[in-house]
């Protein structure tokens, strides 16, 4: 099932049972973080972008 189909299904089920939709949303929020941590990402330590040099190198002819 594709991403758009899942969203469509969630929207449709939210109209019929709003309480279940809230429970699913809470589970999905925490599941996202758990999946990232399982993949090896640490949310507390972010990677910094490299500093941009102030001077540009001269082209060589």
PDB file of N, CA and C in Angstrom:
ATOM      1  N   UNK A   1       0.855  -1.164   0.000  1.00  0.00           N
ATOM      2  CA  UNK A   1       0.000   0.000   0.000  1.00  0.00           C
ATOM      3  C   UNK A   1       0.902   1.229   0.000  1.00  0.00           C
ATOM      4  N   UNK A   2       0.592   2.144  -0.884  1.00  0.00           N
ATOM      5  CA  UNK A   2       1.398   3.348  -1.001  1.00  0.00           C
ATOM      6  C   UNK A   2       1.103   4.353   0.090  1.00  0.00           C
ATOM      7  N   UNK A   3       1.930   5.377   0.134  1.00  0.00           N
ATOM      8  CA  UNK A   3       1.799   6.404   1.164  1.00  0.00           C
ATOM      9  C   UNK A   3       0.473   7.143   1.058  1.00  0.00           C
ATOM     10  N   UNK A   4       0.085   7.514  -0.164  1.00  0.00           N
ATOM     11  CA  UNK A   4      -1.170   8.252  -0.339  1.00  0.00           C
ATOM     12  C   UNK A   4      -2.380   7.388  -0.004  1.00  0.00           C
ATOM     13  N   UNK A   5      -2.296   6.114  -0.334  1.00  0.00           N
ATOM     14  CA  UNK A   5      -3.398   5.210  -0.012  1.00  0.00           C
ATOM     15  C   UNK A   5      -3.552   5.060   1.498  1.00  0.00           C
ATOM     16  N   UNK A   6      -2.422   5.004   2.210  1.00  0.00           N
ATOM     17  CA  UNK A   6      -2.480   4.908   3.670  1.00  0.00           C
ATOM     18  C   UNK A   6      -3.116   6.159   4.266  1.00  0.00           C
ATOM     19  N   UNK A   7      -2.711   7.324   3.758  1.00  0.00           N
ATOM     20  CA  UNK A   7      -3.287   8.569   4.266  1.00  0.00           C
ATOM     21  C   UNK A   7      -4.781   8.634   3.986  1.00  0.00           C
ATOM     22  N   UNK A   8      -5.177   8.199   2.809  1.00  0.00           N
ATOM     23  CA  UNK A   8      -6.594   8.200   2.443  1.00  0.00           C
ATOM     24  C   UNK A   8      -7.376   7.278   3.373  1.00  0.00           C
ATOM     25  N   UNK A   9      -6.807   6.123   3.668  1.00  0.00           N
ATOM     26  CA  UNK A   9      -7.453   5.168   4.559  1.00  0.00           C
ATOM     27  C   UNK A   9      -7.575   5.746   5.971  1.00  0.00           C
ATOM     28  N   UNK A  10      -6.521   6.416   6.437  1.00  0.00           N
ATOM     29  CA  UNK A  10      -6.562   7.023   7.772  1.00  0.00           C
ATOM     30  C   UNK A  10      -7.613   8.128   7.849  1.00  0.00           C
ATOM     31  N   UNK A  11      -7.691   8.952   6.803  1.00  0.00           N
ATOM     32  CA  UNK A  11      -8.693  10.024   6.791  1.00  0.00           C
ATOM     33  C   UNK A  11     -10.106   9.453   6.809  1.00  0.00           C
ATOM     34  N   UNK A  12     -10.314   8.403   6.042  1.00  0.00           N
ATOM     35  CA  UNK A  12     -11.633   7.787   5.971  1.00  0.00           C
ATOM     36  C   UNK A  12     -12.017   7.183   7.311  1.00  0.00           C
ATOM     37  N   UNK A  13     -11.080   6.498   7.968  1.00  0.00           N
ATOM     38  CA  UNK A  13     -11.370   5.893   9.261  1.00  0.00           C
ATOM     39  C   UNK A  13     -11.514   6.957  10.347  1.00  0.00           C
ATOM     40  N   UNK A  14     -10.866   8.099  10.191  1.00  0.00           N
ATOM     41  CA  UNK A  14     -10.977   9.176  11.185  1.00  0.00           C
ATOM     42  C   UNK A  14     -12.378   9.760  11.189  1.00  0.00           C
ATOM     43  N   UNK A  15     -13.024   9.765  10.034  1.00  0.00           N
ATOM     44  CA  UNK A  15     -14.397  10.282   9.973  1.00  0.00           C
ATOM     45  C   UNK A  15     -15.359   9.364  10.712  1.00  0.00           C
ATOM     46  N   UNK A  16     -15.139   8.054  10.635  1.00  0.00           N
ATOM     47  CA  UNK A  16     -16.054   7.118  11.268  1.00  0.00           C
ATOM     48  C   UNK A  16     -15.764   6.934  12.752  1.00  0.00           C
ATOM     49  N   UNK A  17     -14.489   6.964  13.151  1.00  0.00           N
ATOM     50  CA  UNK A  17     -14.117   6.740  14.556  1.00  0.00           C
ATOM     51  C   UNK A  17     -13.008   7.712  14.956  1.00  0.00           C
ATOM     52  N   UNK A  18     -13.368   8.941  15.368  1.00  0.00           N
ATOM     53  CA  UNK A  18     -12.346   9.957  15.675  1.00  0.00           C
ATOM     54  C   UNK A  18     -11.458   9.587  16.872  1.00  0.00           C
ATOM     55  N   UNK A  19     -11.988   8.849  17.841  1.00  0.00           N
ATOM     56  CA  UNK A  19     -11.190   8.489  19.017  1.00  0.00           C
ATOM     57  C   UNK A  19     -10.055   7.548  18.634  1.00  0.00           C
ATOM     58  N   UNK A  20     -10.322   6.604  17.757  1.00  0.00           N
ATOM     59  CA  UNK A  20      -9.284   5.664  17.314  1.00  0.00           C
ATOM     60  C   UNK A  20      -8.219   6.387  16.506  1.00  0.00           C
ATOM     61  N   UNK A  21      -8.605   7.404  15.768  1.00  0.00           N
ATOM     62  CA  UNK A  21      -7.643   8.165  14.972  1.00  0.00           C
ATOM     63  C   UNK A  21      -6.648   8.879  15.878  1.00  0.00           C
ATOM     64  N   UNK A  22      -7.106   9.397  16.998  1.00  0.00           N
ATOM     65  CA  UNK A  22      -6.197  10.073  17.936  1.00  0.00           C
ATOM     66  C   UNK A  22      -5.201   9.089  18.531  1.00  0.00           C
ATOM     67  N   UNK A  23      -5.668   7.893  18.879  1.00  0.00           N
ATOM     68  CA  UNK A  23      -4.772   6.885  19.432  1.00  0.00           C
ATOM     69  C   UNK A  23      -3.721   6.491  18.397  1.00  0.00           C
ATOM     70  N   UNK A  24      -4.150   6.301  17.143  1.00  0.00           N
ATOM     71  CA  UNK A  24      -3.208   5.945  16.082  1.00  0.00           C
ATOM     72  C   UNK A  24      -2.174   7.035  15.867  1.00  0.00           C
ATOM     73  N   UNK A  25      -2.582   8.295  15.928  1.00  0.00           N
ATOM     74  CA  UNK A  25      -1.662   9.406  15.712  1.00  0.00           C
ATOM     75  C   UNK A  25      -0.568   9.407  16.779  1.00  0.00           C
ATOM     76  N   UNK A  26      -0.938   9.165  18.040  1.00  0.00           N
ATOM     77  CA  UNK A  26       0.047   9.133  19.116  1.00  0.00           C
ATOM     78  C   UNK A  26       1.031   7.988  18.921  1.00  0.00           C
ATOM     79  N   UNK A  27       0.544   6.858  18.504  1.00  0.00           N
ATOM     80  CA  UNK A  27       1.415   5.711  18.266  1.00  0.00           C
ATOM     81  C   UNK A  27       2.353   6.006  17.104  1.00  0.00           C
ATOM     82  N   UNK A  28       1.844   6.614  16.033  1.00  0.00           N
ATOM     83  CA  UNK A  28       2.667   6.908  14.868  1.00  0.00           C
ATOM     84  C   UNK A  28       3.783   7.892  15.199  1.00  0.00           C
ATOM     85  N   UNK A  29       3.515   8.875  16.059  1.00  0.00           N
ATOM     86  CA  UNK A  29       4.545   9.849  16.427  1.00  0.00           C
ATOM     87  C   UNK A  29       5.711   9.179  17.140  1.00  0.00           C
ATOM     88  N   UNK A  30       5.433   8.325  18.076  1.00  0.00           N
ATOM     89  CA  UNK A  30       6.516   7.670  18.806  1.00  0.00           C
ATOM     90  C   UNK A  30       7.184   6.600  17.951  1.00  0.00           C
ATOM     91  N   UNK A  31       6.431   5.967  17.080  1.00  0.00           N
ATOM     92  CA  UNK A  31       6.989   4.928  16.225  1.00  0.00           C
ATOM     93  C   UNK A  31       8.016   5.518  15.267  1.00  0.00           C
ATOM     94  N   UNK A  32       7.781   6.736  14.784  1.00  0.00           N
ATOM     95  CA  UNK A  32       8.712   7.412  13.889  1.00  0.00           C
ATOM     96  C   UNK A  32      10.077   7.581  14.559  1.00  0.00           C
ATOM     97  N   UNK A  33      10.070   8.015  15.799  1.00  0.00           N
ATOM     98  CA  UNK A  33      11.320   8.225  16.540  1.00  0.00           C
ATOM     99  C   UNK A  33      12.019   6.891  16.774  1.00  0.00           C
ATOM    100  N   UNK A  34      11.262   5.874  17.133  1.00  0.00           N
ATOM    101  CA  UNK A  34      11.854   4.558  17.373  1.00  0.00           C
ATOM    102  C   UNK A  34      12.480   3.999  16.102  1.00  0.00           C
ATOM    103  N   UNK A  35      11.816   4.207  14.969  1.00  0.00           N
ATOM    104  CA  UNK A  35      12.367   3.725  13.701  1.00  0.00           C
ATOM    105  C   UNK A  35      13.683   4.423  13.374  1.00  0.00           C
ATOM    106  N   UNK A  36      13.753   5.732  13.595  1.00  0.00           N
ATOM    107  CA  UNK A  36      14.991   6.465  13.331  1.00  0.00           C
ATOM    108  C   UNK A  36      16.119   5.978  14.230  1.00  0.00           C
ATOM    109  N   UNK A  37      15.822   5.757  15.487  1.00  0.00           N
ATOM    110  CA  UNK A  37      16.852   5.281  16.407  1.00  0.00           C
ATOM    111  C   UNK A  37      17.308   3.880  16.033  1.00  0.00           C
ATOM    112  N   UNK A  38      16.398   3.042  15.573  1.00  0.00           N
ATOM    113  CA  UNK A  38      16.758   1.687  15.160  1.00  0.00           C
ATOM    114  C   UNK A  38      17.665   1.720  13.923  1.00  0.00           C
ATOM    115  N   UNK A  39      17.484   2.732  13.069  1.00  0.00           N
ATOM    116  CA  UNK A  39      18.300   2.863  11.867  1.00  0.00           C
ATOM    117  C   UNK A  39      19.675   3.467  12.162  1.00  0.00           C
ATOM    118  N   UNK A  40      19.899   3.906  13.405  1.00  0.00           N
ATOM    119  CA  UNK A  40      21.214   4.390  13.785  1.00  0.00           C
ATOM    120  C   UNK A  40      21.324   5.902  13.913  1.00  0.00           C
ATOM    121  N   UNK A  41      20.222   6.622  13.778  1.00  0.00           N
ATOM    122  CA  UNK A  41      20.254   8.074  13.922  1.00  0.00           C
ATOM    123  C   UNK A  41      20.073   8.446  15.386  1.00  0.00           C
ATOM    124  N   UNK A  42      20.832   9.434  15.827  1.00  0.00           N
ATOM    125  CA  UNK A  42      20.685   9.939  17.177  1.00  0.00           C
ATOM    126  C   UNK A  42      20.061  11.321  17.080  1.00  0.00           C
ATOM    127  N   UNK A  43      18.886  11.491  17.647  1.00  0.00           N
ATOM    128  CA  UNK A  43      18.161  12.751  17.503  1.00  0.00           C
ATOM    129  C   UNK A  43      18.731  13.852  18.384  1.00  0.00           C
ATOM    130  N   UNK A  44      19.509  13.482  19.399  1.00  0.00           N
ATOM    131  CA  UNK A  44      20.058  14.495  20.299  1.00  0.00           C
ATOM    132  C   UNK A  44      21.318  15.145  19.738  1.00  0.00           C
ATOM    133  N   UNK A  45      22.020  14.431  18.882  1.00  0.00           N
ATOM    134  CA  UNK A  45      23.257  14.948  18.298  1.00  0.00           C
ATOM    135  C   UNK A  45      23.056  15.071  16.794  1.00  0.00           C
ATOM    136  N   UNK A  46      22.988  16.296  16.313  1.00  0.00           N
ATOM    137  CA  UNK A  46      22.805  16.501  14.887  1.00  0.00           C
ATOM    138  C   UNK A  46      24.122  16.740  14.183  1.00  0.00           C
ATOM    139  N   UNK A  47      24.188  16.378  12.938  1.00  0.00           N
ATOM    140  CA  UNK A  47      25.394  16.626  12.156  1.00  0.00           C
ATOM    141  C   UNK A  47      25.397  18.081  11.698  1.00  0.00           C
ATOM    142  N   UNK A  48      26.529  18.739  11.865  1.00  0.00           N
ATOM    143  CA  UNK A  48      26.659  20.129  11.432  1.00  0.00           C
ATOM    144  C   UNK A  48      27.088  20.166   9.977  1.00  0.00           C
ATOM    145  N   UNK A  49      26.634  21.183   9.301  1.00  0.00           N
ATOM    146  CA  UNK A  49      27.071  21.396   7.925  1.00  0.00           C
ATOM    147  C   UNK A  49      28.489  21.960   7.951  1.00  0.00           C
ATOM    148  N   UNK A  50      29.305  21.666   6.957  1.00  0.00           N
ATOM    149  CA  UNK A  50      30.658  22.214   6.944  1.00  0.00           C
ATOM    150  C   UNK A  50      30.627  23.734   6.754  1.00  0.00           C
ATOM    151  N   UNK A  51      31.630  24.390   7.320  1.00  0.00           N
ATOM    152  CA  UNK A  51      31.713  25.843   7.180  1.00  0.00           C
ATOM    153  C   UNK A  51      32.045  26.219   5.740  1.00  0.00           C
ATOM    154  N   UNK A  52      31.452  27.293   5.291  1.00  0.00           N
ATOM    155  CA  UNK A  52      31.690  27.777   3.932  1.00  0.00           C
ATOM    156  C   UNK A  52      32.956  28.632   3.951  1.00  0.00           C
ATOM    157  N   UNK A  53      33.912  28.368   3.059  1.00  0.00           N
ATOM    158  CA  UNK A  53      35.133  29.173   3.057  1.00  0.00           C
ATOM    159  C   UNK A  53      34.831  30.619   2.676  1.00  0.00           C
ATOM    160  N   UNK A  54      35.562  31.554   3.285  1.00  0.00           N
ATOM    161  CA  UNK A  54      35.324  32.968   3.032  1.00  0.00           C
ATOM    162  C   UNK A  54      35.910  33.417   1.688  1.00  0.00           C
ATOM    163  N   UNK A  55      36.983  32.798   1.263  1.00  0.00           N
ATOM    164  CA  UNK A  55      37.596  33.208  -0.017  1.00  0.00           C
ATOM    165  C   UNK A  55      37.423  32.081  -1.022  1.00  0.00           C
ATOM    166  N   UNK A  56      37.200  32.449  -2.267  1.00  0.00           N
ATOM    167  CA  UNK A  56      37.065  31.429  -3.304  1.00  0.00           C
ATOM    168  C   UNK A  56      38.422  31.226  -3.979  1.00  0.00           C
ATOM    169  N   UNK A  57      38.742  30.002  -4.355  1.00  0.00           N
ATOM    170  CA  UNK A  57      40.026  29.751  -5.003  1.00  0.00           C
ATOM    171  C   UNK A  57      40.082  30.368  -6.409  1.00  0.00           C
ATOM    172  N   UNK A  58      41.272  30.793  -6.788  1.00  0.00           N
ATOM    173  CA  UNK A  58      41.459  31.375  -8.122  1.00  0.00           C
ATOM    174  C   UNK A  58      41.503  30.245  -9.154  1.00  0.00           C
ATOM    175  N   UNK A  59      40.857  30.427 -10.298  1.00  0.00           N
ATOM    176  CA  UNK A  59      40.901  29.381 -11.332  1.00  0.00           C
ATOM    177  C   UNK A  59      42.297  29.232 -11.926  1.00  0.00           C
ATOM    178  N   UNK A  60      42.669  28.013 -12.220  1.00  0.00           N
ATOM    179  CA  UNK A  60      43.975  27.763 -12.812  1.00  0.00           C
ATOM    180  C   UNK A  60      43.818  27.691 -14.322  1.00  0.00           C
ATOM    181  N   UNK A  61      44.785  28.302 -15.027  1.00  0.00           N
ATOM    182  CA  UNK A  61      44.710  28.325 -16.473  1.00  0.00           C
ATOM    183  C   UNK A  61      45.645  27.299 -17.061  1.00  0.00           C
TER     184      UNK A  61
END
